[in-house]
Amino acid sequence: MRLLIAEDDKALGLFLSRGLEADGHHVRVAHDGAAAVEAFRQELPDLTILDLNMPIKDGEQVLEELRAMDADLPVLVLTARQEVDTRVRCLDRGADDLMVKPFSLHELRARCRALLRRKREARLLLRAGDLELDRLEHTAHRAGQSIVLTNKEFSLLEHLMLNRGRCVSRVELLDSVWNMEPAQTTNIVDVYVNYLRRKLMDPPPGQLIRTVRGQGYRVPPEIDLALPALPALPVPAIAAPVATPVFEAH
């Protein structure tokens, strides 16, 4: 899942991102309110964790702007403020949950899972043919068989399936999955696509993950994944019964 953490404390932001990345999430961190609004606009993350004490734009202002852009994507507010009025105001303005600092990372991760389960529009289960990807449980199955993926393999496959039907460039994958600058020369995308193809039993040129020459990779729409109908087998002709001669006794 794609998560956005808006937290001005860089040490805490790093701590949160590492804890959530360990669950297999792709995490982006913003350290001020303006950056948080822009990151939300660009990515529309599946879940946002928002601190209230943010520079440039206060967390409450950020919450209002996020809700103006999308009323449904879950937002969990973090705050050190003890006033009940502040917490009530945040919930009234659209926060889905709220935690007071200091907090337990274990509890925060559980609350994130609960929010994501309730928001079914977040597309928690992705399908392509007989392949299923559960974004919350971080599991993959093909034809009912479990497939063990590393975090990076899962994130790569998730990004391709979220953009199903569209060619996703190597530059976009480097940025979204590896947080790497496009200028960096690497074949890591191609290497990991080969890893996925082996695990998915999808050898080149690929039925599930297709190469778009000179551009990138694409998971085709369902209609292109439909298996061709088997040709009808000819129905054997039924021979006419042979008449058995009848001999009359004399």
C-alpha atoms as a PDB file:
ATOM      1  CA  MET A   1       0.000   0.000   0.000  1.00  0.00           C
ATOM      2  CA  ARG A   2       1.106   3.610  -0.568  1.00  0.00           C
ATOM      3  CA  LEU A   3       1.376   5.566   2.673  1.00  0.00           C
ATOM      4  CA  LEU A   4       2.127   9.243   3.268  1.00  0.00           C
ATOM      5  CA  ILE A   5       3.658  10.371   6.570  1.00  0.00           C
ATOM      6  CA  ALA A   6       3.459  14.113   7.286  1.00  0.00           C
ATOM      7  CA  GLU A   7       5.796  14.644  10.239  1.00  0.00           C
ATOM      8  CA  ASP A   8       8.192  17.560  10.858  1.00  0.00           C
ATOM      9  CA  ASP A   9      10.304  15.561  13.332  1.00  0.00           C
ATOM     10  CA  LYS A  10      12.730  13.861  10.931  1.00  0.00           C
ATOM     11  CA  ALA A  11      13.824  11.226  13.445  1.00  0.00           C
ATOM     12  CA  LEU A  12      10.225  10.251  14.161  1.00  0.00           C
ATOM     13  CA  GLY A  13       9.399  10.293  10.450  1.00  0.00           C
ATOM     14  CA  LEU A  14      12.281   7.911   9.774  1.00  0.00           C
ATOM     15  CA  PHE A  15      11.209   5.659  12.651  1.00  0.00           C
ATOM     16  CA  LEU A  16       7.631   5.490  11.343  1.00  0.00           C
ATOM     17  CA  SER A  17       8.658   4.917   7.740  1.00  0.00           C
ATOM     18  CA  ARG A  18      10.967   2.050   8.664  1.00  0.00           C
ATOM     19  CA  GLY A  19       8.305   0.414  10.821  1.00  0.00           C
ATOM     20  CA  LEU A  20       5.658   0.638   8.087  1.00  0.00           C
ATOM     21  CA  GLU A  21       8.032  -0.361   5.290  1.00  0.00           C
ATOM     22  CA  ALA A  22       8.732  -3.516   7.281  1.00  0.00           C
ATOM     23  CA  ASP A  23       5.044  -4.360   6.711  1.00  0.00           C
ATOM     24  CA  GLY A  24       5.660  -4.057   2.971  1.00  0.00           C
ATOM     25  CA  HIS A  25       4.195  -0.573   2.446  1.00  0.00           C
ATOM     26  CA  HIS A  26       5.658   2.026   0.105  1.00  0.00           C
ATOM     27  CA  VAL A  27       6.133   5.115   2.299  1.00  0.00           C
ATOM     28  CA  ARG A  28       6.688   8.752   1.399  1.00  0.00           C
ATOM     29  CA  VAL A  29       7.581  11.278   4.106  1.00  0.00           C
ATOM     30  CA  ALA A  30       6.835  15.032   4.012  1.00  0.00           C
ATOM     31  CA  HIS A  31       8.361  17.349   6.629  1.00  0.00           C
ATOM     32  CA  ASP A  32       6.080  20.385   6.269  1.00  0.00           C
ATOM     33  CA  GLY A  33       2.426  21.037   5.582  1.00  0.00           C
ATOM     34  CA  ALA A  34       2.866  22.421   2.058  1.00  0.00           C
ATOM     35  CA  ALA A  35       4.952  19.397   1.008  1.00  0.00           C
ATOM     36  CA  ALA A  36       2.349  17.081   2.528  1.00  0.00           C
ATOM     37  CA  VAL A  37      -0.469  18.646   0.491  1.00  0.00           C
ATOM     38  CA  GLU A  38       1.581  18.396  -2.714  1.00  0.00           C
ATOM     39  CA  ALA A  39       2.571  14.778  -2.044  1.00  0.00           C
ATOM     40  CA  PHE A  40      -1.079  13.890  -1.401  1.00  0.00           C
ATOM     41  CA  ARG A  41      -2.127  15.604  -4.651  1.00  0.00           C
ATOM     42  CA  GLN A  42       0.481  13.672  -6.640  1.00  0.00           C
ATOM     43  CA  GLU A  43      -0.003  10.203  -5.156  1.00  0.00           C
ATOM     44  CA  LEU A  44      -3.471  10.012  -3.548  1.00  0.00           C
ATOM     45  CA  PRO A  45      -2.028   7.592  -0.964  1.00  0.00           C
ATOM     46  CA  ASP A  46      -4.043   4.734   0.464  1.00  0.00           C
ATOM     47  CA  LEU A  47      -3.447   6.128   3.956  1.00  0.00           C
ATOM     48  CA  THR A  48      -2.056   9.400   5.356  1.00  0.00           C
ATOM     49  CA  ILE A  49      -0.541   9.771   8.829  1.00  0.00           C
ATOM     50  CA  LEU A  50      -0.692  13.465   9.683  1.00  0.00           C
ATOM     51  CA  ASP A  51       1.027  15.297  12.535  1.00  0.00           C
ATOM     52  CA  LEU A  52      -0.723  18.486  13.640  1.00  0.00           C
ATOM     53  CA  ASN A  53       2.380  20.521  14.530  1.00  0.00           C
ATOM     54  CA  MET A  54       3.649  21.171  11.005  1.00  0.00           C
ATOM     55  CA  PRO A  55       5.588  24.196   9.673  1.00  0.00           C
ATOM     56  CA  ILE A  56       4.396  26.330   6.714  1.00  0.00           C
ATOM     57  CA  LYS A  57       0.885  24.865   6.972  1.00  0.00           C
ATOM     58  CA  ASP A  58      -0.573  23.658  10.252  1.00  0.00           C
ATOM     59  CA  GLY A  59      -1.859  20.094  10.371  1.00  0.00           C
ATOM     60  CA  GLU A  60      -5.476  21.187  10.725  1.00  0.00           C
ATOM     61  CA  GLN A  61      -5.185  23.313   7.591  1.00  0.00           C
ATOM     62  CA  VAL A  62      -3.552  20.402   5.783  1.00  0.00           C
ATOM     63  CA  LEU A  63      -6.418  18.118   6.855  1.00  0.00           C
ATOM     64  CA  GLU A  64      -8.975  20.528   5.374  1.00  0.00           C
ATOM     65  CA  GLU A  65      -7.075  20.668   2.070  1.00  0.00           C
ATOM     66  CA  LEU A  66      -6.731  16.892   1.906  1.00  0.00           C
ATOM     67  CA  ARG A  67     -10.439  16.456   2.466  1.00  0.00           C
ATOM     68  CA  ALA A  68     -11.177  19.016  -0.263  1.00  0.00           C
ATOM     69  CA  MET A  69      -9.174  16.853  -2.688  1.00  0.00           C
ATOM     70  CA  ASP A  70     -10.554  13.479  -1.545  1.00  0.00           C
ATOM     71  CA  ALA A  71     -13.219  12.814   1.046  1.00  0.00           C
ATOM     72  CA  ASP A  72     -12.635   9.082   1.369  1.00  0.00           C
ATOM     73  CA  LEU A  73      -8.939   8.202   1.583  1.00  0.00           C
ATOM     74  CA  PRO A  74      -8.191   7.506   5.268  1.00  0.00           C
ATOM     75  CA  VAL A  75      -6.284   9.995   7.418  1.00  0.00           C
ATOM     76  CA  LEU A  76      -4.874   9.162  10.852  1.00  0.00           C
ATOM     77  CA  VAL A  77      -3.919  12.221  12.908  1.00  0.00           C
ATOM     78  CA  LEU A  78      -0.982  12.243  15.347  1.00  0.00           C
ATOM     79  CA  THR A  79      -0.833  14.968  17.967  1.00  0.00           C
ATOM     80  CA  ALA A  80       0.885  15.890  21.202  1.00  0.00           C
ATOM     81  CA  ARG A  81      -1.938  18.302  21.985  1.00  0.00           C
ATOM     82  CA  GLN A  82      -3.950  17.231  24.993  1.00  0.00           C
ATOM     83  CA  GLU A  83      -6.992  19.479  24.479  1.00  0.00           C
ATOM     84  CA  VAL A  84     -10.175  17.541  23.820  1.00  0.00           C
ATOM     85  CA  ASP A  85     -11.435  20.393  21.606  1.00  0.00           C
ATOM     86  CA  THR A  86      -8.526  19.908  19.198  1.00  0.00           C
ATOM     87  CA  ARG A  87      -9.200  16.189  18.844  1.00  0.00           C
ATOM     88  CA  VAL A  88     -12.923  16.718  18.373  1.00  0.00           C
ATOM     89  CA  ARG A  89     -12.250  19.397  15.759  1.00  0.00           C
ATOM     90  CA  CYS A  90      -9.972  17.088  13.766  1.00  0.00           C
ATOM     91  CA  LEU A  91     -12.511  14.278  13.799  1.00  0.00           C
ATOM     92  CA  ASP A  92     -15.259  16.684  12.744  1.00  0.00           C
ATOM     93  CA  ARG A  93     -13.079  17.946   9.879  1.00  0.00           C
ATOM     94  CA  GLY A  94     -12.675  14.470   8.435  1.00  0.00           C
ATOM     95  CA  ALA A  95      -9.934  12.593  10.296  1.00  0.00           C
ATOM     96  CA  ASP A  96     -10.728   8.872  10.428  1.00  0.00           C
ATOM     97  CA  ASP A  97      -8.709   8.198  13.575  1.00  0.00           C
ATOM     98  CA  LEU A  98      -6.473  10.035  16.037  1.00  0.00           C
ATOM     99  CA  MET A  99      -3.580   9.016  18.288  1.00  0.00           C
ATOM    100  CA  VAL A 100      -1.974  11.098  21.029  1.00  0.00           C
ATOM    101  CA  LYS A 101       1.821  11.169  21.405  1.00  0.00           C
ATOM    102  CA  PRO A 102       3.633   9.300  22.815  1.00  0.00           C
ATOM    103  CA  PHE A 103       2.192   6.202  21.170  1.00  0.00           C
ATOM    104  CA  SER A 104       3.017   2.568  20.490  1.00  0.00           C
ATOM    105  CA  LEU A 105       4.229   1.732  16.981  1.00  0.00           C
ATOM    106  CA  HIS A 106       2.601  -1.676  17.371  1.00  0.00           C
ATOM    107  CA  GLU A 107      -0.763  -0.023  18.043  1.00  0.00           C
ATOM    108  CA  LEU A 108      -0.313   2.491  15.214  1.00  0.00           C
ATOM    109  CA  ARG A 109       0.341  -0.319  12.722  1.00  0.00           C
ATOM    110  CA  ALA A 110      -2.795  -2.118  13.950  1.00  0.00           C
ATOM    111  CA  ARG A 111      -4.872   1.052  13.559  1.00  0.00           C
ATOM    112  CA  CYS A 112      -3.501   1.497  10.021  1.00  0.00           C
ATOM    113  CA  ARG A 113      -4.563  -2.036   9.121  1.00  0.00           C
ATOM    114  CA  ALA A 114      -8.035  -1.430  10.563  1.00  0.00           C
ATOM    115  CA  LEU A 115      -8.473   1.792   8.566  1.00  0.00           C
ATOM    116  CA  LEU A 116      -7.354   0.136   5.352  1.00  0.00           C
ATOM    117  CA  ARG A 117      -9.732  -2.791   5.881  1.00  0.00           C
ATOM    118  CA  ARG A 118     -12.676  -0.431   6.316  1.00  0.00           C
ATOM    119  CA  LYS A 119     -11.857   1.607   3.211  1.00  0.00           C
ATOM    120  CA  ARG A 120     -12.771  -0.932   0.554  1.00  0.00           C
ATOM    121  CA  GLU A 121     -12.468   1.659  -2.219  1.00  0.00           C
ATOM    122  CA  ALA A 122      -8.716   1.535  -1.649  1.00  0.00           C
ATOM    123  CA  ARG A 123      -8.644  -1.564  -3.922  1.00  0.00           C
ATOM    124  CA  LEU A 124      -7.188  -3.966  -1.414  1.00  0.00           C
ATOM    125  CA  LEU A 125      -7.401  -7.021  -3.686  1.00  0.00           C
ATOM    126  CA  LEU A 126      -5.922  -6.722  -7.181  1.00  0.00           C
ATOM    127  CA  ARG A 127      -6.557  -9.369  -9.841  1.00  0.00           C
ATOM    128  CA  ALA A 128      -5.111 -10.153 -13.252  1.00  0.00           C
ATOM    129  CA  GLY A 129      -6.277 -13.420 -14.746  1.00  0.00           C
ATOM    130  CA  ASP A 130      -5.604 -16.124 -12.146  1.00  0.00           C
ATOM    131  CA  LEU A 131      -3.197 -13.863 -10.211  1.00  0.00           C
ATOM    132  CA  GLU A 132      -4.413 -12.247  -6.968  1.00  0.00           C
ATOM    133  CA  LEU A 133      -2.524  -9.649  -4.946  1.00  0.00           C
ATOM    134  CA  ASP A 134      -3.749  -8.809  -1.442  1.00  0.00           C
ATOM    135  CA  ARG A 135      -2.349  -5.378  -0.640  1.00  0.00           C
ATOM    136  CA  LEU A 136      -3.291  -5.476   3.033  1.00  0.00           C
ATOM    137  CA  GLU A 137      -2.095  -8.980   3.893  1.00  0.00           C
ATOM    138  CA  HIS A 138       0.867  -8.569   1.516  1.00  0.00           C
ATOM    139  CA  THR A 139       0.275 -11.938  -0.141  1.00  0.00           C
ATOM    140  CA  ALA A 140       0.183 -13.181  -3.727  1.00  0.00           C
ATOM    141  CA  HIS A 141      -1.534 -16.226  -5.214  1.00  0.00           C
ATOM    142  CA  ARG A 142      -1.685 -17.631  -8.716  1.00  0.00           C
ATOM    143  CA  ALA A 143      -4.216 -20.325  -9.565  1.00  0.00           C
ATOM    144  CA  GLY A 144      -4.712 -20.749  -5.819  1.00  0.00           C
ATOM    145  CA  GLN A 145      -1.023 -21.371  -5.151  1.00  0.00           C
ATOM    146  CA  SER A 146       0.824 -19.068  -2.733  1.00  0.00           C
ATOM    147  CA  ILE A 147       3.767 -17.104  -4.174  1.00  0.00           C
ATOM    148  CA  VAL A 148       6.423 -15.770  -1.801  1.00  0.00           C
ATOM    149  CA  LEU A 149       7.583 -12.283  -2.863  1.00  0.00           C
ATOM    150  CA  THR A 150      10.134  -9.942  -1.325  1.00  0.00           C
ATOM    151  CA  ASN A 151       8.973  -6.436  -0.399  1.00  0.00           C
ATOM    152  CA  LYS A 152      10.471  -4.932  -3.572  1.00  0.00           C
ATOM    153  CA  GLU A 153       9.009  -7.661  -5.788  1.00  0.00           C
ATOM    154  CA  PHE A 154       5.606  -7.095  -4.209  1.00  0.00           C
ATOM    155  CA  SER A 155       5.841  -3.296  -4.615  1.00  0.00           C
ATOM    156  CA  LEU A 156       6.852  -3.654  -8.262  1.00  0.00           C
ATOM    157  CA  LEU A 157       3.989  -6.025  -9.055  1.00  0.00           C
ATOM    158  CA  GLU A 158       1.559  -3.843  -7.073  1.00  0.00           C
ATOM    159  CA  HIS A 159       2.513  -0.718  -9.041  1.00  0.00           C
ATOM    160  CA  LEU A 160       2.121  -2.517 -12.365  1.00  0.00           C
ATOM    161  CA  MET A 161      -1.293  -3.905 -11.382  1.00  0.00           C
ATOM    162  CA  LEU A 162      -2.518  -0.558 -10.045  1.00  0.00           C
ATOM    163  CA  ASN A 163      -1.685   0.892 -13.475  1.00  0.00           C
ATOM    164  CA  ARG A 164      -3.142  -2.026 -15.358  1.00  0.00           C
ATOM    165  CA  GLY A 165      -3.591  -1.501 -19.081  1.00  0.00           C
ATOM    166  CA  ARG A 166      -1.000   1.310 -19.161  1.00  0.00           C
ATOM    167  CA  CYS A 167       2.666   1.003 -20.052  1.00  0.00           C
ATOM    168  CA  VAL A 168       4.715   1.933 -16.977  1.00  0.00           C
ATOM    169  CA  SER A 169       8.168   3.283 -17.822  1.00  0.00           C
ATOM    170  CA  ARG A 170      11.356   2.172 -16.122  1.00  0.00           C
ATOM    171  CA  VAL A 171      11.844   5.777 -14.962  1.00  0.00           C
ATOM    172  CA  GLU A 172       8.462   5.765 -13.202  1.00  0.00           C
ATOM    173  CA  LEU A 173       9.199   2.401 -11.575  1.00  0.00           C
ATOM    174  CA  LEU A 174      12.602   3.582 -10.347  1.00  0.00           C
ATOM    175  CA  ASP A 175      10.967   6.611  -8.732  1.00  0.00           C
ATOM    176  CA  SER A 176       7.884   4.889  -7.309  1.00  0.00           C
ATOM    177  CA  VAL A 177       9.325   1.558  -6.155  1.00  0.00           C
ATOM    178  CA  TRP A 178      12.988   2.323  -5.444  1.00  0.00           C
ATOM    179  CA  ASN A 179      12.868   6.097  -4.772  1.00  0.00           C
ATOM    180  CA  MET A 180      15.798   6.459  -7.180  1.00  0.00           C
ATOM    181  CA  GLU A 181      16.586   9.374  -9.466  1.00  0.00           C
ATOM    182  CA  PRO A 182      15.948   8.601 -13.149  1.00  0.00           C
ATOM    183  CA  ALA A 183      19.438   9.852 -14.008  1.00  0.00           C
ATOM    184  CA  GLN A 184      20.984   6.925 -12.147  1.00  0.00           C
ATOM    185  CA  THR A 185      22.019   4.229 -14.621  1.00  0.00           C
ATOM    186  CA  THR A 186      20.773   0.831 -13.492  1.00  0.00           C
ATOM    187  CA  ASN A 187      19.054  -2.256 -14.847  1.00  0.00           C
ATOM    188  CA  ILE A 188      17.447  -3.079 -11.505  1.00  0.00           C
ATOM    189  CA  VAL A 189      13.904  -2.823 -12.934  1.00  0.00           C
ATOM    190  CA  ASP A 190      14.623  -5.439 -15.608  1.00  0.00           C
ATOM    191  CA  VAL A 191      16.337  -7.681 -13.051  1.00  0.00           C
ATOM    192  CA  TYR A 192      13.324  -7.607 -10.723  1.00  0.00           C
ATOM    193  CA  VAL A 193      10.854  -8.129 -13.572  1.00  0.00           C
ATOM    194  CA  ASN A 194      12.791 -11.311 -14.402  1.00  0.00           C
ATOM    195  CA  TYR A 195      12.574 -12.359 -10.733  1.00  0.00           C
ATOM    196  CA  LEU A 196       8.800 -11.850 -10.838  1.00  0.00           C
ATOM    197  CA  ARG A 197       8.384 -13.727 -14.104  1.00  0.00           C
ATOM    198  CA  ARG A 198      10.196 -16.740 -12.694  1.00  0.00           C
ATOM    199  CA  LYS A 199       8.087 -16.780  -9.533  1.00  0.00           C
ATOM    200  CA  LEU A 200       4.837 -16.227 -11.441  1.00  0.00           C
ATOM    201  CA  MET A 201       5.714 -18.921 -14.013  1.00  0.00           C
ATOM    202  CA  ASP A 202       5.350 -16.230 -16.676  1.00  0.00           C
ATOM    203  CA  PRO A 203       8.379 -16.619 -18.986  1.00  0.00           C
ATOM    204  CA  PRO A 204       9.273 -13.929 -21.572  1.00  0.00           C
ATOM    205  CA  PRO A 205       7.666 -12.341 -23.485  1.00  0.00           C
ATOM    206  CA  GLY A 206       5.153 -12.724 -20.655  1.00  0.00           C
ATOM    207  CA  GLN A 207       1.409 -13.178 -20.480  1.00  0.00           C
ATOM    208  CA  LEU A 208       0.911 -11.340 -17.167  1.00  0.00           C
ATOM    209  CA  ILE A 209       3.825  -8.872 -17.377  1.00  0.00           C
ATOM    210  CA  ARG A 210       4.460  -7.780 -20.947  1.00  0.00           C
ATOM    211  CA  THR A 211       7.442  -5.872 -22.265  1.00  0.00           C
ATOM    212  CA  VAL A 212       6.722  -2.748 -24.296  1.00  0.00           C
ATOM    213  CA  ARG A 213       9.889  -2.468 -26.335  1.00  0.00           C
ATOM    214  CA  GLY A 214      11.868   0.688 -25.617  1.00  0.00           C
ATOM    215  CA  GLN A 215       9.274   1.962 -23.116  1.00  0.00           C
ATOM    216  CA  GLY A 216       8.657  -0.260 -20.091  1.00  0.00           C
ATOM    217  CA  TYR A 217       6.259  -2.921 -18.824  1.00  0.00           C
ATOM    218  CA  ARG A 218       2.517  -3.439 -18.838  1.00  0.00           C
ATOM    219  CA  VAL A 219      -0.023  -5.703 -17.168  1.00  0.00           C
ATOM    220  CA  PRO A 220      -2.739  -6.062 -19.825  1.00  0.00           C
ATOM    221  CA  PRO A 221      -6.464  -5.538 -19.192  1.00  0.00           C
ATOM    222  CA  GLU A 222      -8.562  -8.600 -18.374  1.00  0.00           C
ATOM    223  CA  ILE A 223      -9.859  -9.003 -21.901  1.00  0.00           C
ATOM    224  CA  ASP A 224      -6.296  -9.510 -23.160  1.00  0.00           C
ATOM    225  CA  LEU A 225      -5.638 -12.133 -20.500  1.00  0.00           C
ATOM    226  CA  ALA A 226      -8.623 -14.272 -21.398  1.00  0.00           C
ATOM    227  CA  LEU A 227      -7.470 -17.667 -22.540  1.00  0.00           C
ATOM    228  CA  PRO A 228      -8.558 -18.574 -26.067  1.00  0.00           C
ATOM    229  CA  ALA A 229     -11.416 -20.986 -26.225  1.00  0.00           C
ATOM    230  CA  LEU A 230     -10.399 -24.544 -27.005  1.00  0.00           C
ATOM    231  CA  PRO A 231     -11.493 -25.676 -30.476  1.00  0.00           C
ATOM    232  CA  ALA A 232     -14.531 -27.887 -30.462  1.00  0.00           C
ATOM    233  CA  LEU A 233     -13.669 -31.519 -30.875  1.00  0.00           C
ATOM    234  CA  PRO A 234     -15.346 -33.274 -33.793  1.00  0.00           C
ATOM    235  CA  VAL A 235     -18.222 -35.486 -32.731  1.00  0.00           C
ATOM    236  CA  PRO A 236     -17.591 -39.025 -33.933  1.00  0.00           C
ATOM    237  CA  ALA A 237     -20.174 -40.314 -36.340  1.00  0.00           C
ATOM    238  CA  ILE A 238     -22.433 -42.978 -34.911  1.00  0.00           C
ATOM    239  CA  ALA A 239     -22.540 -45.955 -37.221  1.00  0.00           C
ATOM    240  CA  ALA A 240     -25.951 -47.256 -38.171  1.00  0.00           C
ATOM    241  CA  PRO A 241     -26.765 -50.514 -36.460  1.00  0.00           C
ATOM    242  CA  VAL A 242     -26.100 -53.561 -38.565  1.00  0.00           C
ATOM    243  CA  ALA A 243     -29.196 -55.623 -39.101  1.00  0.00           C
ATOM    244  CA  THR A 244     -28.865 -59.116 -37.748  1.00  0.00           C
ATOM    245  CA  PRO A 245     -30.162 -61.670 -40.243  1.00  0.00           C
ATOM    246  CA  VAL A 246     -33.089 -63.737 -38.995  1.00  0.00           C
ATOM    247  CA  PHE A 247     -33.211 -67.367 -39.985  1.00  0.00           C
ATOM    248  CA  GLU A 248     -36.566 -69.109 -39.922  1.00  0.00           C
ATOM    249  CA  ALA A 249     -36.717 -72.706 -38.970  1.00  0.00           C
ATOM    250  CA  HIS A 250     -38.346 -75.034 -41.570  1.00  0.00           C
END
